[in-house]
Amino acid sequence: MERSFYYVVTWSEANALVRVLSERFIPFALVQSKQLKIPPNHIAIVFPSLPVRVYAVVRNLFGGDGRVYPAD
């Protein structure tokens, strides 16, 4: 999967978010990477480029814009 942007959330937040994203068939991946400098007890929910309407749903769900996923 292409990686375009991400959000860092706690594990407890991730459980609810993953459920909603899966129900809406929005593609995502859970990533723990030193490259992203994720704090302890947190995880990144990573997304590919999304159509504008789908991105609007994700943006609303997370309460703002995601961070750009760094290039390899």
C-alpha atoms as a PDB file:
ATOM      1  CA  MET A   1       0.000   0.000   0.000  1.00  0.00           C
ATOM      2  CA  GLU A   2       1.191   3.476  -0.878  1.00  0.00           C
ATOM      3  CA  ARG A   3       1.671   5.630   2.236  1.00  0.00           C
ATOM      4  CA  SER A   4       0.530   9.225   1.870  1.00  0.00           C
ATOM      5  CA  PHE A   5      -0.400  10.566   5.309  1.00  0.00           C
ATOM      6  CA  TYR A   6      -0.914   9.414   8.886  1.00  0.00           C
ATOM      7  CA  TYR A   7      -2.275  10.201  12.323  1.00  0.00           C
ATOM      8  CA  VAL A   8      -0.685   9.230  15.629  1.00  0.00           C
ATOM      9  CA  VAL A   9      -3.169   7.989  18.237  1.00  0.00           C
ATOM     10  CA  THR A  10      -3.132   6.014  21.464  1.00  0.00           C
ATOM     11  CA  TRP A  11      -3.825   2.289  21.321  1.00  0.00           C
ATOM     12  CA  SER A  12      -7.205   2.784  23.011  1.00  0.00           C
ATOM     13  CA  GLU A  13      -8.195   5.439  20.440  1.00  0.00           C
ATOM     14  CA  ALA A  14      -6.985   3.169  17.649  1.00  0.00           C
ATOM     15  CA  ASN A  15      -9.444   0.424  18.603  1.00  0.00           C
ATOM     16  CA  ALA A  16     -12.482   2.632  18.008  1.00  0.00           C
ATOM     17  CA  LEU A  17     -11.007   4.307  14.923  1.00  0.00           C
ATOM     18  CA  VAL A  18     -10.075   1.007  13.281  1.00  0.00           C
ATOM     19  CA  ARG A  19     -13.618  -0.237  13.775  1.00  0.00           C
ATOM     20  CA  VAL A  20     -15.108   2.876  12.108  1.00  0.00           C
ATOM     21  CA  LEU A  21     -12.602   2.854   9.236  1.00  0.00           C
ATOM     22  CA  SER A  22     -13.228  -0.841   8.581  1.00  0.00           C
ATOM     23  CA  GLU A  23     -17.002  -0.376   8.630  1.00  0.00           C
ATOM     24  CA  ARG A  24     -16.648   2.367   6.004  1.00  0.00           C
ATOM     25  CA  PHE A  25     -14.185   0.329   3.883  1.00  0.00           C
ATOM     26  CA  ILE A  26     -11.527   3.062   4.117  1.00  0.00           C
ATOM     27  CA  PRO A  27      -8.048   1.639   3.427  1.00  0.00           C
ATOM     28  CA  PHE A  28      -5.447   2.053   6.187  1.00  0.00           C
ATOM     29  CA  ALA A  29      -2.516   0.356   7.873  1.00  0.00           C
ATOM     30  CA  LEU A  30      -1.327   0.347  11.474  1.00  0.00           C
ATOM     31  CA  VAL A  31       2.367   1.226  11.643  1.00  0.00           C
ATOM     32  CA  GLN A  32       4.949   1.459  14.408  1.00  0.00           C
ATOM     33  CA  SER A  33       8.094   2.996  12.977  1.00  0.00           C
ATOM     34  CA  LYS A  34      11.094   4.721  14.509  1.00  0.00           C
ATOM     35  CA  GLN A  35      11.092   6.919  11.408  1.00  0.00           C
ATOM     36  CA  LEU A  36       7.778   8.459  12.553  1.00  0.00           C
ATOM     37  CA  LYS A  37       9.011   9.015  16.146  1.00  0.00           C
ATOM     38  CA  ILE A  38       5.853   7.622  17.717  1.00  0.00           C
ATOM     39  CA  PRO A  39       5.604   8.044  21.501  1.00  0.00           C
ATOM     40  CA  PRO A  40       5.184   4.974  23.743  1.00  0.00           C
ATOM     41  CA  ASN A  41       1.661   3.520  23.834  1.00  0.00           C
ATOM     42  CA  HIS A  42       0.819   5.184  20.512  1.00  0.00           C
ATOM     43  CA  ILE A  43       0.492   3.922  16.946  1.00  0.00           C
ATOM     44  CA  ALA A  44       0.257   5.515  13.513  1.00  0.00           C
ATOM     45  CA  ILE A  45      -2.787   4.953  11.357  1.00  0.00           C
ATOM     46  CA  VAL A  46      -1.456   5.359   7.826  1.00  0.00           C
ATOM     47  CA  PHE A  47      -3.498   6.067   4.698  1.00  0.00           C
ATOM     48  CA  PRO A  48      -2.844   6.008   0.953  1.00  0.00           C
ATOM     49  CA  SER A  49      -3.941   8.952  -1.181  1.00  0.00           C
ATOM     50  CA  LEU A  50      -7.716   9.084  -0.885  1.00  0.00           C
ATOM     51  CA  PRO A  51     -10.482  10.626  -2.984  1.00  0.00           C
ATOM     52  CA  VAL A  52     -11.501  14.042  -1.629  1.00  0.00           C
ATOM     53  CA  ARG A  53     -14.843  12.821  -0.247  1.00  0.00           C
ATOM     54  CA  VAL A  54     -13.184   9.953   1.611  1.00  0.00           C
ATOM     55  CA  TYR A  55     -10.399  12.233   2.900  1.00  0.00           C
ATOM     56  CA  ALA A  56     -13.099  14.577   4.250  1.00  0.00           C
ATOM     57  CA  VAL A  57     -14.570  11.676   6.249  1.00  0.00           C
ATOM     58  CA  VAL A  58     -11.128  10.751   7.624  1.00  0.00           C
ATOM     59  CA  ARG A  59     -10.309  14.393   8.419  1.00  0.00           C
ATOM     60  CA  ASN A  60     -13.601  14.760  10.280  1.00  0.00           C
ATOM     61  CA  LEU A  61     -13.061  11.511  12.168  1.00  0.00           C
ATOM     62  CA  PHE A  62      -9.588  12.544  13.363  1.00  0.00           C
ATOM     63  CA  GLY A  63     -10.414  16.224  13.853  1.00  0.00           C
ATOM     64  CA  GLY A  64      -7.929  17.697  11.378  1.00  0.00           C
ATOM     65  CA  ASP A  65      -5.369  17.104   8.677  1.00  0.00           C
ATOM     66  CA  GLY A  66      -2.960  14.193   8.867  1.00  0.00           C
ATOM     67  CA  ARG A  67       0.829  14.404   8.758  1.00  0.00           C
ATOM     68  CA  VAL A  68       2.613  13.743   5.476  1.00  0.00           C
ATOM     69  CA  TYR A  69       4.231  10.296   5.490  1.00  0.00           C
ATOM     70  CA  PRO A  70       7.985  10.718   4.965  1.00  0.00           C
ATOM     71  CA  ALA A  71       9.565   9.397   1.789  1.00  0.00           C
ATOM     72  CA  ASP A  72      11.739   6.290   2.145  1.00  0.00           C
END
